[in-house]
Protein backbone atom coordinates (compact mmCIF):
# COMPACT_ATOMS: atom_id res chain seq x y z
CA MET A 1 11.71 14.33 21.20
CA VAL A 2 15.18 12.82 21.30
CA SER A 3 18.09 14.84 20.02
CA LEU A 4 20.18 13.62 17.10
CA ASP A 5 23.58 14.40 18.58
CA GLY A 6 24.46 10.77 19.31
CA SER A 7 22.34 10.40 22.43
CA LEU A 8 20.19 7.80 20.63
CA SER A 9 22.56 5.00 21.64
CA LYS A 10 20.59 4.46 24.88
CA ILE A 11 16.87 5.21 25.12
CA GLU A 12 15.14 4.21 28.33
CA ASN A 13 18.15 2.02 29.20
CA ARG A 14 17.73 -0.02 26.03
CA GLU A 15 20.26 -0.88 23.36
CA SER A 16 19.27 1.19 20.35
CA THR A 17 20.50 1.78 16.82
CA ARG A 18 19.33 4.30 14.28
CA SER A 19 19.37 4.91 10.56
CA VAL A 20 18.76 8.22 8.79
CA VAL A 21 17.70 8.97 5.23
CA ARG A 22 18.49 12.58 4.39
CA TYR A 23 16.94 14.70 1.64
CA ALA A 24 14.25 12.16 0.77
CA ARG A 25 12.17 13.60 -2.07
CA VAL A 26 8.87 13.42 -0.22
CA SER A 27 7.19 15.80 2.17
CA ALA A 28 7.31 15.11 5.89
CA HIS A 29 3.52 15.54 5.93
CA LYS A 30 3.15 12.45 3.69
CA ALA A 31 5.75 10.37 5.54
CA ARG A 32 4.39 10.83 9.06
CA PRO A 33 1.18 8.73 8.69
CA VAL A 34 3.25 5.74 7.54
CA LEU A 35 5.76 6.21 10.36
CA ASN A 36 2.89 6.33 12.86
CA GLN A 37 1.77 2.88 11.70
CA ILE A 38 5.10 1.17 12.43
CA ARG A 39 5.98 2.92 15.69
CA ASN A 40 6.37 0.48 18.66
CA LYS A 41 5.91 -2.53 16.35
CA SER A 42 8.33 -5.44 16.07
CA VAL A 43 10.69 -5.31 13.10
CA GLY A 44 8.95 -8.20 11.36
CA ARG A 45 5.51 -6.67 11.80
CA ALA A 46 6.73 -3.23 10.68
CA ASP A 47 8.27 -4.78 7.57
CA GLU A 48 4.92 -6.43 6.72
CA ILE A 49 3.05 -3.15 7.18
CA LEU A 50 5.45 -1.33 4.86
CA ALA A 51 5.38 -4.13 2.27
CA PHE A 52 1.58 -3.92 1.95
CA SER A 53 1.30 -0.14 2.24
CA GLU A 54 0.06 1.63 -0.89
CA ARG A 55 2.01 4.84 -0.24
CA SER A 56 5.17 5.36 -2.26
CA VAL A 57 7.11 6.66 0.75
CA SER A 58 6.85 3.20 2.34
CA ASP A 59 9.68 1.98 0.06
CA VAL A 60 12.03 4.67 1.39
CA ILE A 61 11.04 3.96 5.00
CA SER A 62 11.49 0.22 4.44
CA GLY A 63 15.03 0.79 3.22
CA CYS A 64 15.74 2.93 6.28
CA LEU A 65 14.34 0.22 8.57
CA HIS A 66 16.47 -2.48 6.95
CA SER A 67 19.53 -0.26 7.33
CA ALA A 68 18.81 0.23 11.04
CA VAL A 69 18.40 -3.53 11.54
CA ALA A 70 21.67 -4.17 9.70
CA ASN A 71 23.42 -1.57 11.87
CA ALA A 72 22.10 -3.27 15.00
CA GLY A 73 23.30 -6.66 13.80
CA ASN A 74 26.75 -5.56 12.65
CA ASN A 75 27.60 -2.99 15.31
CA ASN A 76 25.85 -4.37 18.41
CA GLY A 77 25.29 -8.03 17.50
CA ILE A 78 21.54 -7.88 18.17
CA PRO A 79 19.44 -10.37 16.12
CA GLN A 80 16.46 -9.08 14.19
CA GLU A 81 13.95 -11.11 16.25
CA GLU A 82 14.81 -9.10 19.39
CA LEU A 83 14.31 -5.64 17.83
CA PHE A 84 11.34 -3.30 17.61
CA VAL A 85 10.82 0.22 16.22
CA SER A 86 11.19 2.38 19.32
CA GLU A 87 11.20 5.72 17.49
CA CYS A 88 10.60 6.99 13.99
CA PHE A 89 10.04 10.53 12.83
CA ALA A 90 10.32 12.80 9.78
CA ASP A 91 11.91 16.26 9.91
CA GLU A 92 11.44 18.81 7.16
CA GLY A 93 14.38 19.31 4.83
CA PRO A 94 15.17 22.09 2.37
CA THR A 95 12.48 23.00 -0.15
CA LEU A 96 13.28 23.24 -3.86
CA LYS A 97 11.48 26.22 -5.39
CA ARG A 98 10.37 25.98 -9.00
CA PHE A 99 7.95 28.01 -11.15
CA ARG A 100 5.28 27.00 -13.63
CA PRO A 101 4.16 29.37 -16.41
CA ARG A 102 0.48 30.22 -16.34
CA ALA A 103 -1.95 32.29 -18.39
CA ARG A 104 -1.46 36.02 -19.12
CA GLY A 105 2.29 35.84 -18.57
CA ARG A 106 2.01 34.95 -14.93
CA ALA A 107 3.96 32.27 -13.04
CA THR A 108 2.98 30.18 -10.02
CA SER A 109 5.43 28.71 -7.58
CA ILE A 110 6.02 24.98 -7.06
CA PHE A 111 7.48 23.77 -3.76
CA LYS A 112 9.28 20.43 -4.01
CA ARG A 113 9.50 19.35 -0.40
CA THR A 114 12.20 17.12 1.10
CA CYS A 115 12.52 15.52 4.50
CA HIS A 116 14.94 13.65 6.73
CA LEU A 117 13.64 10.25 7.91
CA THR A 118 14.96 8.68 11.11
CA VAL A 119 14.17 5.15 12.31
CA VAL A 120 15.43 3.93 15.70
CA VAL A 121 15.31 0.22 16.58
CA SER A 122 15.76 -0.99 20.15
CA ARG A 123 16.14 -4.35 21.82
CA TYR A 124 13.27 -5.81 23.82
CA SER A 125 13.82 -6.22 27.55
CA GLU A 126 14.47 -9.68 29.01
CA GLU A 127 10.95 -9.84 30.48
CA GLU A 128 9.37 -9.04 27.11
CA LEU A 129 11.54 -11.63 25.33
CA GLU A 130 10.52 -14.28 27.88
CA ALA A 131 6.86 -13.38 27.37
CA PHE A 132 7.26 -13.70 23.59
CA GLN A 133 9.01 -17.06 24.01
CA SER A 134 6.20 -18.38 26.21
CA ARG A 135 3.63 -17.25 23.62
CA VAL A 136 5.52 -19.05 20.87
CA GLU A 137 5.69 -22.23 22.96
CA LEU A 138 1.95 -22.11 23.68
CA ARG A 139 1.24 -21.58 19.99
CA ASN A 140 3.40 -24.57 19.06
CA GLU A 141 1.66 -26.75 21.66
CA ARG A 142 -1.74 -25.80 20.24
CA LYS A 143 -0.56 -26.64 16.71
CA ASN A 144 0.72 -30.02 17.89
CA LEU A 145 -2.60 -30.80 19.62
CA VAL A 146 -4.55 -29.87 16.49
CA ALA A 147 -2.24 -32.04 14.36
CA GLU A 148 -2.67 -35.01 16.73
CA THR A 149 -6.45 -34.73 16.70
CA ASP A 150 -6.41 -34.55 12.91
CA LEU A 151 -4.30 -37.72 12.77
CA GLU A 152 -6.72 -39.51 15.11
CA ASP A 153 -9.70 -38.47 13.01
CA GLU A 154 -8.12 -39.55 9.72
CA PRO A 155 -8.57 -43.38 10.16
CA GLU A 156 -12.26 -42.95 11.01
CA SER A 157 -12.82 -40.77 7.98
CA LYS A 158 -10.95 -43.30 5.80
CA ASN A 159 -13.16 -46.12 7.13
CA LYS A 160 -16.27 -44.10 6.40
CA LYS A 161 -15.07 -43.42 2.87
CA ALA A 162 -14.27 -47.11 2.31
CA ARG A 163 -17.74 -48.11 3.54
CA SER A 164 -19.43 -45.57 1.30
CA LEU A 165 -17.37 -46.76 -1.68
CA LYS A 166 -18.35 -50.39 -0.97
CA GLU A 167 -22.01 -49.45 -0.75
CA ASP A 168 -21.80 -47.53 -4.02
CA SER A 169 -20.05 -50.44 -5.77
CA GLY A 170 -22.68 -52.89 -4.39
CA GLU A 171 -25.49 -50.74 -5.80
CA GLU A 172 -23.74 -50.61 -9.19
CA ASP A 173 -23.32 -54.42 -9.22
CA SER A 174 -27.00 -54.98 -8.44
CA GLY A 175 -27.91 -52.54 -11.20
CA GLU A 176 -25.74 -54.46 -13.67
CA GLU A 177 -27.40 -57.80 -12.67
CA ASP A 178 -30.85 -56.32 -13.19
CA SER A 179 -29.87 -55.07 -16.64
CA GLY A 180 -28.53 -58.56 -17.51
CA GLU A 181 -31.86 -60.18 -16.56
CA GLU A 182 -33.74 -57.65 -18.68
CA ASP A 183 -31.49 -58.41 -21.67
CA SER A 184 -32.13 -62.18 -21.37
CA ASP A 185 -35.94 -61.59 -21.20
CA SER A 186 -35.85 -59.42 -24.29
CA ASP A 187 -33.83 -62.11 -26.18
CA GLU A 188 -36.43 -64.79 -25.34
CA GLU A 189 -39.26 -62.58 -26.56
CA ASN A 190 -37.43 -61.96 -29.84
CA ASP A 191 -36.94 -65.72 -30.37
CA GLU A 192 -40.66 -66.40 -29.81
CA GLN A 193 -41.64 -63.71 -32.31
CA ASN A 194 -39.26 -65.15 -34.93
CA GLU A 195 -40.75 -68.68 -34.51
CA LYS A 196 -44.29 -67.33 -34.94
CA GLU A 197 -43.33 -65.52 -38.13
CA ALA A 198 -41.65 -68.63 -39.50
CA ASN A 199 -44.83 -70.71 -38.89
């Protein structure tokens, strides 16, 4: 556990910045599972986890995380892309004691817990940043290859569609010609019947 007396400026020889939310109206027991999910995650990933978390304390932790990132940017000039959550913990704060009236003139106690939330963001090392950059470059190369193959496949698919459309239109034309021949045959039969009736 790292002390809070200002020694958080350097953790494991890394540039670090912290943000603290004091007297948050939530118990430390409820905040710790959410903090465990974002520990050692990049700032972007931690922000996504908190955005989709169903626990109400995630809003308070998200505000604390954004404050720590802003402190790192303003005080140390570290961009958000180079930061990760190196430490996060919840300490118990003072408890507000209230009472609820119950049956037979009794009263039961209510403990309204509070806690102090601390989020520490640190800068990735140069080796880790280089590894991330190489991963991004590989990902971009794969996307470009997929896009190129899609462009090459598009003309063939267009030709196939044009051929199928031509075949469909040819079938429709032949169907129309057949119907025209049938109409002419039926007209001739009607004329013959009319002549017979007239005679």
